[in-house]
PDB file of N, CA and C in Angstrom:
ATOM      1  N   MET A   1      13.334   2.228 -14.687  1.00  0.00           N
ATOM      2  CA  MET A   1      12.536   1.541 -14.759  1.00  0.00           C
ATOM      3  C   MET A   1      11.214   1.805 -14.579  1.00  0.00           C
ATOM      4  N   THR A   2       9.919   1.232 -14.925  1.00  0.00           N
ATOM      5  CA  THR A   2       8.766   1.935 -14.096  1.00  0.00           C
ATOM      6  C   THR A   2       8.513   0.420 -13.203  1.00  0.00           C
ATOM      7  N   LYS A   3       7.502   0.906 -12.587  1.00  0.00           N
ATOM      8  CA  LYS A   3       6.807  -0.070 -11.937  1.00  0.00           C
ATOM      9  C   LYS A   3       6.481  -1.038 -12.724  1.00  0.00           C
ATOM     10  N   GLU A   4       5.603  -1.319 -13.733  1.00  0.00           N
ATOM     11  CA  GLU A   4       4.847  -1.900 -14.626  1.00  0.00           C
ATOM     12  C   GLU A   4       6.048  -2.977 -14.725  1.00  0.00           C
ATOM     13  N   GLN A   5       7.567  -2.788 -15.452  1.00  0.00           N
ATOM     14  CA  GLN A   5       8.704  -3.243 -16.002  1.00  0.00           C
ATOM     15  C   GLN A   5       9.066  -3.817 -14.627  1.00  0.00           C
ATOM     16  N   ILE A   6       9.334  -3.384 -13.574  1.00  0.00           N
ATOM     17  CA  ILE A   6       9.975  -4.320 -12.518  1.00  0.00           C
ATOM     18  C   ILE A   6       8.877  -5.491 -12.057  1.00  0.00           C
ATOM     19  N   MET A   7       8.009  -5.069 -12.107  1.00  0.00           N
ATOM     20  CA  MET A   7       6.442  -6.659 -11.661  1.00  0.00           C
ATOM     21  C   MET A   7       6.466  -7.146 -12.853  1.00  0.00           C
ATOM     22  N   ALA A   8       6.918  -6.938 -13.991  1.00  0.00           N
ATOM     23  CA  ALA A   8       6.949  -8.017 -15.062  1.00  0.00           C
ATOM     24  C   ALA A   8       7.988  -8.916 -15.133  1.00  0.00           C
ATOM     25  N   PHE A   9       9.554  -8.288 -14.914  1.00  0.00           N
ATOM     26  CA  PHE A   9      10.790  -9.019 -14.443  1.00  0.00           C
ATOM     27  C   PHE A   9      10.249 -10.223 -12.834  1.00  0.00           C
ATOM     28  N   VAL A  10       9.752  -9.522 -11.938  1.00  0.00           N
ATOM     29  CA  VAL A  10       9.692  -9.963 -11.148  1.00  0.00           C
ATOM     30  C   VAL A  10       8.334 -11.622 -11.477  1.00  0.00           C
ATOM     31  N   ARG A  11       7.401 -11.380 -12.120  1.00  0.00           N
ATOM     32  CA  ARG A  11       6.583 -12.116 -12.534  1.00  0.00           C
ATOM     33  C   ARG A  11       7.586 -13.132 -13.233  1.00  0.00           C
ATOM     34  N   LEU A  12       8.158 -12.639 -14.360  1.00  0.00           N
ATOM     35  CA  LEU A  12       9.732 -13.760 -15.378  1.00  0.00           C
ATOM     36  C   LEU A  12      10.160 -14.549 -14.127  1.00  0.00           C
ATOM     37  N   LEU A  13      11.237 -13.890 -13.522  1.00  0.00           N
ATOM     38  CA  LEU A  13      11.734 -14.597 -12.418  1.00  0.00           C
ATOM     39  C   LEU A  13      11.102 -15.584 -11.506  1.00  0.00           C
ATOM     40  N   ALA A  14       9.562 -15.370 -11.111  1.00  0.00           N
ATOM     41  CA  ALA A  14       9.022 -16.475 -10.068  1.00  0.00           C
ATOM     42  C   ALA A  14       8.479 -17.706 -11.137  1.00  0.00           C
ATOM     43  N   THR A  15       7.901 -17.545 -12.581  1.00  0.00           N
ATOM     44  CA  THR A  15       7.830 -18.365 -13.634  1.00  0.00           C
ATOM     45  C   THR A  15       9.142 -19.526 -13.625  1.00  0.00           C
ATOM     46  N   MET A  16      10.066 -18.676 -13.772  1.00  0.00           N
ATOM     47  CA  MET A  16      11.351 -18.986 -14.856  1.00  0.00           C
ATOM     48  C   MET A  16      12.015 -20.332 -12.894  1.00  0.00           C
ATOM     49  N   THR A  17      11.829 -19.555 -11.897  1.00  0.00           N
ATOM     50  CA  THR A  17      12.057 -20.039 -10.514  1.00  0.00           C
ATOM     51  C   THR A  17      11.568 -21.549 -10.334  1.00  0.00           C
ATOM     52  N   ALA A  18      10.314 -21.341 -10.544  1.00  0.00           N
ATOM     53  CA  ALA A  18       9.396 -22.359 -10.629  1.00  0.00           C
ATOM     54  C   ALA A  18       9.569 -23.912 -11.098  1.00  0.00           C
ATOM     55  N   THR A  19       9.699 -23.041 -12.651  1.00  0.00           N
ATOM     56  CA  THR A  19      10.127 -24.407 -13.449  1.00  0.00           C
ATOM     57  C   THR A  19      11.152 -25.167 -13.650  1.00  0.00           C
ATOM     58  N   CYS A  20      12.542 -24.620 -12.747  1.00  0.00           N
ATOM     59  CA  CYS A  20      13.980 -24.793 -12.569  1.00  0.00           C
ATOM     60  C   CYS A  20      13.489 -25.688 -11.263  1.00  0.00           C
ATOM     61  N   LEU A  21      12.936 -25.542 -10.418  1.00  0.00           N
ATOM     62  CA  LEU A  21      13.028 -26.139  -9.128  1.00  0.00           C
ATOM     63  C   LEU A  21      11.870 -27.480  -9.519  1.00  0.00           C
ATOM     64  N   THR A  22      10.787 -27.167 -10.392  1.00  0.00           N
ATOM     65  CA  THR A  22       9.864 -28.313 -10.799  1.00  0.00           C
ATOM     66  C   THR A  22      11.078 -29.603 -11.421  1.00  0.00           C
ATOM     67  N   MET A  23      11.720 -29.209 -12.160  1.00  0.00           N
ATOM     68  CA  MET A  23      12.871 -29.685 -13.053  1.00  0.00           C
ATOM     69  C   MET A  23      13.365 -30.156 -12.352  1.00  0.00           C
ATOM     70  N   LEU A  24      14.018 -30.112 -10.331  1.00  0.00           N
ATOM     71  CA  LEU A  24      14.645 -30.696  -9.689  1.00  0.00           C
ATOM     72  C   LEU A  24      13.726 -31.488  -9.082  1.00  0.00           C
ATOM     73  N   GLY A  25      12.023 -31.552  -9.312  1.00  0.00           N
ATOM     74  CA  GLY A  25      11.755 -32.287  -8.252  1.00  0.00           C
ATOM     75  C   GLY A  25      11.031 -31.781  -7.468  1.00  0.00           C
ATOM     76  N   ILE A  26      11.633 -30.599  -7.364  1.00  0.00           N
ATOM     77  CA  ILE A  26      10.618 -29.993  -5.993  1.00  0.00           C
ATOM     78  C   ILE A  26       9.305 -28.705  -6.464  1.00  0.00           C
ATOM     79  N   SER A  27       8.193 -29.251  -6.395  1.00  0.00           N
ATOM     80  CA  SER A  27       7.010 -28.575  -6.441  1.00  0.00           C
ATOM     81  C   SER A  27       6.665 -27.533  -6.178  1.00  0.00           C
ATOM     82  N   MET A  28       6.691 -26.478  -6.916  1.00  0.00           N
ATOM     83  CA  MET A  28       6.650 -24.761  -6.143  1.00  0.00           C
ATOM     84  C   MET A  28       5.606 -24.282  -6.852  1.00  0.00           C
ATOM     85  N   ASP A  29       4.370 -23.757  -6.376  1.00  0.00           N
ATOM     86  CA  ASP A  29       3.222 -22.628  -7.091  1.00  0.00           C
ATOM     87  C   ASP A  29       4.354 -21.543  -7.577  1.00  0.00           C
ATOM     88  N   ALA A  30       3.817 -20.999  -8.850  1.00  0.00           N
ATOM     89  CA  ALA A  30       4.278 -19.973  -9.307  1.00  0.00           C
ATOM     90  C   ALA A  30       3.849 -18.886  -8.549  1.00  0.00           C
ATOM     91  N   ASP A  31       2.311 -18.814  -8.487  1.00  0.00           N
ATOM     92  CA  ASP A  31       2.415 -17.064  -7.828  1.00  0.00           C
ATOM     93  C   ASP A  31       2.667 -17.319  -6.276  1.00  0.00           C
ATOM     94  N   THR A  32       3.001 -18.235  -5.800  1.00  0.00           N
ATOM     95  CA  THR A  32       3.449 -18.273  -4.075  1.00  0.00           C
ATOM     96  C   THR A  32       4.977 -17.226  -4.189  1.00  0.00           C
ATOM     97  N   LEU A  33       5.511 -18.131  -5.157  1.00  0.00           N
ATOM     98  CA  LEU A  33       7.133 -17.528  -5.824  1.00  0.00           C
ATOM     99  C   LEU A  33       7.046 -15.786  -6.258  1.00  0.00           C
ATOM    100  N   TYR A  34       6.129 -15.705  -6.484  1.00  0.00           N
ATOM    101  CA  TYR A  34       5.665 -14.079  -7.381  1.00  0.00           C
ATOM    102  C   TYR A  34       5.230 -13.311  -5.785  1.00  0.00           C
ATOM    103  N   ILE A  35       4.375 -14.060  -5.352  1.00  0.00           N
ATOM    104  CA  ILE A  35       3.855 -13.407  -3.824  1.00  0.00           C
ATOM    105  C   ILE A  35       5.942 -12.782  -3.172  1.00  0.00           C
ATOM    106  N   VAL A  36       6.397 -13.925  -3.119  1.00  0.00           N
ATOM    107  CA  VAL A  36       7.317 -13.741  -1.864  1.00  0.00           C
ATOM    108  C   VAL A  36       8.584 -12.896  -2.532  1.00  0.00           C
ATOM    109  N   PHE A  37       8.760 -12.864  -3.604  1.00  0.00           N
ATOM    110  CA  PHE A  37       9.439 -11.956  -4.591  1.00  0.00           C
ATOM    111  C   PHE A  37       9.006 -10.811  -4.911  1.00  0.00           C
ATOM    112  N   GLY A  38       7.763 -10.251  -4.597  1.00  0.00           N
ATOM    113  CA  GLY A  38       7.478  -9.069  -4.907  1.00  0.00           C
ATOM    114  C   GLY A  38       7.306  -8.632  -3.297  1.00  0.00           C
ATOM    115  N   MET A  39       7.514  -9.348  -2.446  1.00  0.00           N
ATOM    116  CA  MET A  39       7.786  -8.929  -1.168  1.00  0.00           C
ATOM    117  C   MET A  39       9.288  -8.540  -0.869  1.00  0.00           C
ATOM    118  N   ALA A  40      10.143  -9.115  -1.549  1.00  0.00           N
ATOM    119  CA  ALA A  40      11.413  -8.647  -1.362  1.00  0.00           C
ATOM    120  C   ALA A  40      11.789  -7.887  -2.141  1.00  0.00           C
ATOM    121  N   VAL A  41      11.364  -7.357  -3.138  1.00  0.00           N
ATOM    122  CA  VAL A  41      11.551  -5.890  -3.909  1.00  0.00           C
ATOM    123  C   VAL A  41      10.627  -4.857  -3.612  1.00  0.00           C
ATOM    124  N   THR A  42       9.405  -5.210  -2.234  1.00  0.00           N
ATOM    125  CA  THR A  42       8.675  -4.160  -1.912  1.00  0.00           C
ATOM    126  C   THR A  42       9.959  -3.687  -0.524  1.00  0.00           C
ATOM    127  N   VAL A  43      10.604  -4.868   0.296  1.00  0.00           N
ATOM    128  CA  VAL A  43      11.259  -4.618   1.061  1.00  0.00           C
ATOM    129  C   VAL A  43      12.466  -3.833   0.754  1.00  0.00           C
ATOM    130  N   ALA A  44      13.109  -4.176  -0.668  1.00  0.00           N
ATOM    131  CA  ALA A  44      14.244  -3.304  -1.095  1.00  0.00           C
ATOM    132  C   ALA A  44      14.092  -2.440  -1.182  1.00  0.00           C
ATOM    133  N   ALA A  45      12.884  -1.803  -1.963  1.00  0.00           N
ATOM    134  CA  ALA A  45      12.526  -0.741  -2.294  1.00  0.00           C
ATOM    135  C   ALA A  45      12.514   0.440  -0.758  1.00  0.00           C
ATOM    136  N   MET A  46      11.952  -0.037   0.181  1.00  0.00           N
ATOM    137  CA  MET A  46      11.554   0.931   1.248  1.00  0.00           C
ATOM    138  C   MET A  46      13.090   0.873   1.861  1.00  0.00           C
ATOM    139  N   VAL A  47      13.631  -0.219   2.076  1.00  0.00           N
ATOM    140  CA  VAL A  47      15.204   0.100   3.210  1.00  0.00           C
ATOM    141  C   VAL A  47      16.118   1.279   2.043  1.00  0.00           C
ATOM    142  N   TRP A  48      15.859   1.006   0.787  1.00  0.00           N
ATOM    143  CA  TRP A  48      16.788   2.162  -0.256  1.00  0.00           C
ATOM    144  C   TRP A  48      16.299   3.317  -0.163  1.00  0.00           C
ATOM    145  N   ALA A  49      15.073   3.608  -0.229  1.00  0.00           N
ATOM    146  CA  ALA A  49      14.337   4.761  -0.298  1.00  0.00           C
ATOM    147  C   ALA A  49      14.589   5.271   1.700  1.00  0.00           C
ATOM    148  N   TRP A  50      14.373   4.777   2.502  1.00  0.00           N
ATOM    149  CA  TRP A  50      14.928   5.257   4.047  1.00  0.00           C
ATOM    150  C   TRP A  50      16.219   5.392   4.110  1.00  0.00           C
ATOM    151  N   TRP A  51      17.431   4.718   3.313  1.00  0.00           N
ATOM    152  CA  TRP A  51      18.845   5.128   3.480  1.00  0.00           C
ATOM    153  C   TRP A  51      18.814   6.241   2.671  1.00  0.00           C
ATOM    154  N   LYS A  52      18.101   6.495   1.654  1.00  0.00           N
ATOM    155  CA  LYS A  52      18.321   8.189   0.361  1.00  0.00           C
ATOM    156  C   LYS A  52      18.031   9.189   1.243  1.00  0.00           C
ATOM    157  N   ASN A  53      16.764   9.060   2.074  1.00  0.00           N
ATOM    158  CA  ASN A  53      16.213   9.758   2.089  1.00  0.00           C
ATOM    159  C   ASN A  53      16.579  10.363   3.776  1.00  0.00           C
ATOM    160  N   ASN A  54      17.342   9.534   4.919  1.00  0.00           N
ATOM    161  CA  ASN A  54      18.113   9.915   5.993  1.00  0.00           C
ATOM    162  C   ASN A  54      19.633  10.633   5.646  1.00  0.00           C
ATOM    163  N   ASN A  55      20.128  11.449   6.627  1.00  0.00           N
ATOM    164  CA  ASN A  55      21.258  11.470   6.770  1.00  0.00           C
ATOM    165  C   ASN A  55      22.309  10.765   7.858  1.00  0.00           C
ATOM    166  N   LEU A  56      22.614   9.598   7.329  1.00  0.00           N
ATOM    167  CA  LEU A  56      23.153   8.391   8.789  1.00  0.00           C
ATOM    168  C   LEU A  56      24.300   8.522   8.521  1.00  0.00           C
ATOM    169  N   THR A  57      25.618   9.623   7.492  1.00  0.00           N
ATOM    170  CA  THR A  57      26.866  10.184   8.543  1.00  0.00           C
ATOM    171  C   THR A  57      27.259  10.975   8.318  1.00  0.00           C
ATOM    172  N   ASP A  58      28.524  11.476   9.065  1.00  0.00           N
ATOM    173  CA  ASP A  58      28.869  12.468   9.217  1.00  0.00           C
ATOM    174  C   ASP A  58      28.774  13.278   7.985  1.00  0.00           C
ATOM    175  N   ALA A  59      29.416  13.223   6.984  1.00  0.00           N
ATOM    176  CA  ALA A  59      29.420  13.826   5.543  1.00  0.00           C
ATOM    177  C   ALA A  59      28.245  14.390   5.180  1.00  0.00           C
ATOM    178  N   ALA A  60      27.276  13.055   5.348  1.00  0.00           N
ATOM    179  CA  ALA A  60      25.710  13.770   4.726  1.00  0.00           C
ATOM    180  C   ALA A  60      24.972  14.148   5.924  1.00  0.00           C
ATOM    181  N   GLN A  61      25.198  14.594   7.395  1.00  0.00           N
ATOM    182  CA  GLN A  61      25.048  15.450   8.310  1.00  0.00           C
ATOM    183  C   GLN A  61      25.363  16.897   7.795  1.00  0.00           C
ATOM    184  N   GLN A  62      26.809  17.133   7.284  1.00  0.00           N
ATOM    185  CA  GLN A  62      27.021  18.332   6.967  1.00  0.00           C
ATOM    186  C   GLN A  62      26.890  19.108   5.757  1.00  0.00           C
ATOM    187  N   ALA A  63      26.464  18.184   5.062  1.00  0.00           N
ATOM    188  CA  ALA A  63      25.992  18.360   3.650  1.00  0.00           C
ATOM    189  C   ALA A  63      24.341  18.964   4.142  1.00  0.00           C
ATOM    190  N   GLN A  64      23.771  18.435   4.933  1.00  0.00           N
ATOM    191  CA  GLN A  64      22.544  18.900   5.062  1.00  0.00           C
ATOM    192  C   GLN A  64      22.753  20.200   5.466  1.00  0.00           C
ATOM    193  N   GLU A  65      23.701  20.420   6.588  1.00  0.00           N
ATOM    194  CA  GLU A  65      23.638  21.555   7.569  1.00  0.00           C
ATOM    195  C   GLU A  65      23.875  23.268   6.733  1.00  0.00           C
ATOM    196  N   PHE A  66      24.718  22.512   5.727  1.00  0.00           N
ATOM    197  CA  PHE A  66      25.239  23.775   4.229  1.00  0.00           C
ATOM    198  C   PHE A  66      24.052  23.731   3.536  1.00  0.00           C
ATOM    199  N   LEU A  67      23.322  22.693   3.281  1.00  0.00           N
ATOM    200  CA  LEU A  67      22.096  22.947   2.143  1.00  0.00           C
ATOM    201  C   LEU A  67      21.365  23.906   2.901  1.00  0.00           C
ATOM    202  N   ALA A  68      21.111  23.712   4.365  1.00  0.00           N
ATOM    203  CA  ALA A  68      19.559  24.554   5.299  1.00  0.00           C
ATOM    204  C   ALA A  68      20.491  26.157   5.427  1.00  0.00           C
ATOM    205  N   LEU A  69      22.067  26.148   5.205  1.00  0.00           N
ATOM    206  CA  LEU A  69      22.452  27.275   5.401  1.00  0.00           C
ATOM    207  C   LEU A  69      22.364  28.164   3.894  1.00  0.00           C
ATOM    208  N   LEU A  70      22.462  27.082   2.994  1.00  0.00           N
ATOM    209  CA  LEU A  70      22.365  27.919   1.304  1.00  0.00           C
ATOM    210  C   LEU A  70      20.972  28.312   0.922  1.00  0.00           C
ATOM    211  N   LYS A  71      20.439  27.689   1.828  1.00  0.00           N
ATOM    212  CA  LYS A  71      18.578  27.726   1.288  1.00  0.00           C
ATOM    213  C   LYS A  71      18.174  28.702   2.407  1.00  0.00           C
ATOM    214  N   SER A  72      18.207  29.362   3.596  1.00  0.00           N
ATOM    215  CA  SER A  72      17.967  30.177   4.657  1.00  0.00           C
ATOM    216  C   SER A  72      19.159  31.226   4.220  1.00  0.00           C
ATOM    217  N   GLY A  73      20.046  31.475   2.838  1.00  0.00           N
ATOM    218  CA  GLY A  73      20.938  32.582   2.904  1.00  0.00           C
ATOM    219  C   GLY A  73      21.618  33.274   3.829  1.00  0.00           C
ATOM    220  N   ASP A  74      21.736  32.409   4.712  1.00  0.00           N
ATOM    221  CA  ASP A  74      22.395  33.085   6.495  1.00  0.00           C
ATOM    222  C   ASP A  74      24.268  31.863   6.448  1.00  0.00           C
ATOM    223  N   LEU A  75      24.420  32.677   4.882  1.00  0.00           N
ATOM    224  CA  LEU A  75      26.303  32.198   4.780  1.00  0.00           C
ATOM    225  C   LEU A  75      27.294  33.206   5.437  1.00  0.00           C
ATOM    226  N   ASP A  76      26.839  34.073   6.053  1.00  0.00           N
ATOM    227  CA  ASP A  76      27.689  34.845   7.292  1.00  0.00           C
ATOM    228  C   ASP A  76      28.523  33.934   8.188  1.00  0.00           C
ATOM    229  N   ARG A  77      28.246  32.489   8.332  1.00  0.00           N
ATOM    230  CA  ARG A  77      28.611  31.863   9.237  1.00  0.00           C
ATOM    231  C   ARG A  77      29.711  31.558   8.855  1.00  0.00           C
ATOM    232  N   ASP A  78      30.877  30.706   9.087  1.00  0.00           N
ATOM    233  CA  ASP A  78      31.996  30.321   8.367  1.00  0.00           C
ATOM    234  C   ASP A  78      32.077  28.979   8.089  1.00  0.00           C
ATOM    235  N   VAL A  79      32.164  28.489   6.511  1.00  0.00           N
ATOM    236  CA  VAL A  79      31.793  27.362   6.121  1.00  0.00           C
ATOM    237  C   VAL A  79      32.411  25.671   7.192  1.00  0.00           C
ATOM    238  N   GLU A  80      33.849  26.672   7.817  1.00  0.00           N
ATOM    239  CA  GLU A  80      34.352  25.228   8.714  1.00  0.00           C
ATOM    240  C   GLU A  80      33.785  24.854   9.785  1.00  0.00           C
ATOM    241  N   GLU A  81      32.924  25.850  10.466  1.00  0.00           N
ATOM    242  CA  GLU A  81      31.977  25.369  11.527  1.00  0.00           C
ATOM    243  C   GLU A  81      31.212  24.569  11.838  1.00  0.00           C
ATOM    244  N   ILE A  82      30.850  24.137  10.530  1.00  0.00           N
ATOM    245  CA  ILE A  82      29.789  23.323  10.060  1.00  0.00           C
ATOM    246  C   ILE A  82      30.719  22.154  10.605  1.00  0.00           C
TER     247      ILE A  82
END
């Protein structure tokens, strides 16, 4: 998905939510919901990027060490040491 597609979906979701809330008797501005949904998408993207770019598990840390060995060309070390 492109950034434009995601933002179009957020606008649609905000408008639909505002319409549903209005039908239930709750007055809510679609622009306010758009901002809230946009912030939620931004926070989710930031958390996902942080998770993807950090080696949090032992397996990920071992894989990073092995990748560093491959890139350096220093494969004389026994893989089991990692």
